[in-house]
């Protein structure tokens, strides 16, 4: 199972990556992109419900979610890219699905 701090680091790296929120490839980055926009979104939501997440983790996730919204919120209005705004956990985070489901229910 992935730890909350590692998940936060991965989500932060994904959001800070030059291709986050971009429809077309941007400049080639030195670092590989750790996950896609919808994966980072799902992890940030799931952390809010994760039993191992403390208040600091949840605050970091909320701050990163604000950044995600500013860079990636436009996907919700892009009929070709809307899948980027639908939270989906990366394959190796499947054990986090209950936390994502709970977060989606709490968002309404």
Protein backbone atom coordinates (compact mmCIF):
# COMPACT_ATOMS: atom_id res chain seq x y z
CA UNK A 1 0.00 0.00 0.00
CA UNK A 2 1.27 3.47 -0.84
CA UNK A 3 1.95 5.82 2.02
CA UNK A 4 0.24 9.18 2.22
CA UNK A 5 3.52 11.18 2.14
CA UNK A 6 4.66 9.32 -0.99
CA UNK A 7 1.29 9.87 -2.63
CA UNK A 8 1.48 13.60 -1.86
CA UNK A 9 4.99 13.78 -3.35
CA UNK A 10 3.79 12.03 -6.50
CA UNK A 11 0.75 14.27 -6.85
CA UNK A 12 2.86 17.39 -6.27
CA UNK A 13 5.38 16.28 -8.91
CA UNK A 14 2.55 15.61 -11.36
CA UNK A 15 0.95 19.00 -10.75
CA UNK A 16 4.25 20.86 -10.97
CA UNK A 17 5.19 19.05 -14.18
CA UNK A 18 5.19 21.33 -17.26
CA UNK A 19 2.61 19.16 -19.02
CA UNK A 20 0.03 19.29 -16.23
CA UNK A 21 -3.17 20.80 -17.60
CA UNK A 22 -1.90 21.00 -21.17
CA UNK A 23 -3.83 19.66 -24.15
CA UNK A 24 -0.74 19.55 -26.35
CA UNK A 25 2.72 18.46 -25.31
CA UNK A 26 4.78 21.30 -23.96
CA UNK A 27 8.47 21.55 -23.42
CA UNK A 28 10.28 18.34 -22.72
CA UNK A 29 10.83 18.09 -19.01
CA UNK A 30 13.92 16.61 -17.43
CA UNK A 31 11.80 14.57 -15.03
CA UNK A 32 9.32 11.98 -16.25
CA UNK A 33 5.70 12.72 -15.48
CA UNK A 34 4.77 10.55 -12.50
CA UNK A 35 1.02 10.44 -13.22
CA UNK A 36 -1.68 12.08 -15.31
CA UNK A 37 -3.96 14.94 -14.26
CA UNK A 38 -6.90 12.69 -13.39
CA UNK A 39 -4.64 10.44 -11.29
CA UNK A 40 -3.26 13.35 -9.24
CA UNK A 41 -6.83 14.61 -8.78
CA UNK A 42 -7.98 11.22 -7.48
CA UNK A 43 -5.09 10.91 -5.05
CA UNK A 44 -5.67 14.39 -3.63
CA UNK A 45 -9.34 13.61 -3.09
CA UNK A 46 -8.61 10.20 -1.54
CA UNK A 47 -6.12 11.63 0.94
CA UNK A 48 -8.95 13.60 2.54
CA UNK A 49 -10.54 10.28 3.60
CA UNK A 50 -7.42 8.17 4.13
CA UNK A 51 -7.14 6.93 7.74
CA UNK A 52 -3.35 7.49 7.79
CA UNK A 53 -3.62 11.12 6.65
CA UNK A 54 -3.11 13.62 9.43
CA UNK A 55 -4.18 17.27 9.46
CA UNK A 56 -0.95 18.39 7.75
CA UNK A 57 -1.38 15.83 4.96
CA UNK A 58 -4.96 16.92 4.42
CA UNK A 59 -3.94 20.58 4.36
CA UNK A 60 -1.20 19.84 1.81
CA UNK A 61 -3.68 17.91 -0.31
CA UNK A 62 -6.18 20.79 -0.14
CA UNK A 63 -3.48 23.27 -1.21
CA UNK A 64 -2.44 21.03 -4.09
CA UNK A 65 -6.07 20.60 -5.08
CA UNK A 66 -6.36 24.38 -5.39
CA UNK A 67 -3.35 24.38 -7.70
CA UNK A 68 -4.79 21.44 -9.63
CA UNK A 69 -8.04 23.38 -10.12
CA UNK A 70 -6.18 26.40 -11.47
CA UNK A 71 -4.13 24.33 -13.91
CA UNK A 72 -6.58 21.57 -14.78
CA UNK A 73 -10.11 22.73 -13.96
CA UNK A 74 -10.60 23.69 -17.60
CA UNK A 75 -10.78 19.98 -18.49
CA UNK A 76 -14.36 19.89 -17.20
CA UNK A 77 -15.42 22.10 -20.13
CA UNK A 78 -13.36 20.36 -22.80
CA UNK A 79 -15.41 17.64 -24.46
CA UNK A 80 -12.27 15.96 -25.82
CA UNK A 81 -10.33 16.19 -22.56
CA UNK A 82 -13.05 15.75 -19.96
CA UNK A 83 -11.57 12.38 -18.96
CA UNK A 84 -8.69 14.37 -17.44
CA UNK A 85 -11.10 15.85 -14.88
CA UNK A 86 -12.66 12.54 -13.87
CA UNK A 87 -10.71 11.28 -10.86
CA UNK A 88 -9.25 7.86 -11.51
CA UNK A 89 -6.63 6.22 -9.37
CA UNK A 90 -3.47 4.91 -11.00
CA UNK A 91 -3.45 1.12 -11.31
CA UNK A 92 -1.04 0.68 -8.41
CA UNK A 93 -3.34 2.69 -6.09
CA UNK A 94 -6.40 0.44 -6.45
CA UNK A 95 -6.38 -0.24 -2.71
CA UNK A 96 -7.20 3.47 -2.24
CA UNK A 97 -10.53 3.14 -4.09
CA UNK A 98 -12.67 3.13 -0.90
CA UNK A 99 -11.09 6.45 0.16
CA UNK A 100 -11.73 7.97 -3.26
CA UNK A 101 -15.33 6.72 -3.22
CA UNK A 102 -15.87 8.26 0.24
CA UNK A 103 -14.34 11.56 -0.91
CA UNK A 104 -16.57 11.68 -3.99
CA UNK A 105 -19.64 11.01 -1.84
CA UNK A 106 -18.69 13.78 0.57
CA UNK A 107 -18.24 16.25 -2.32
CA UNK A 108 -21.83 15.65 -3.30
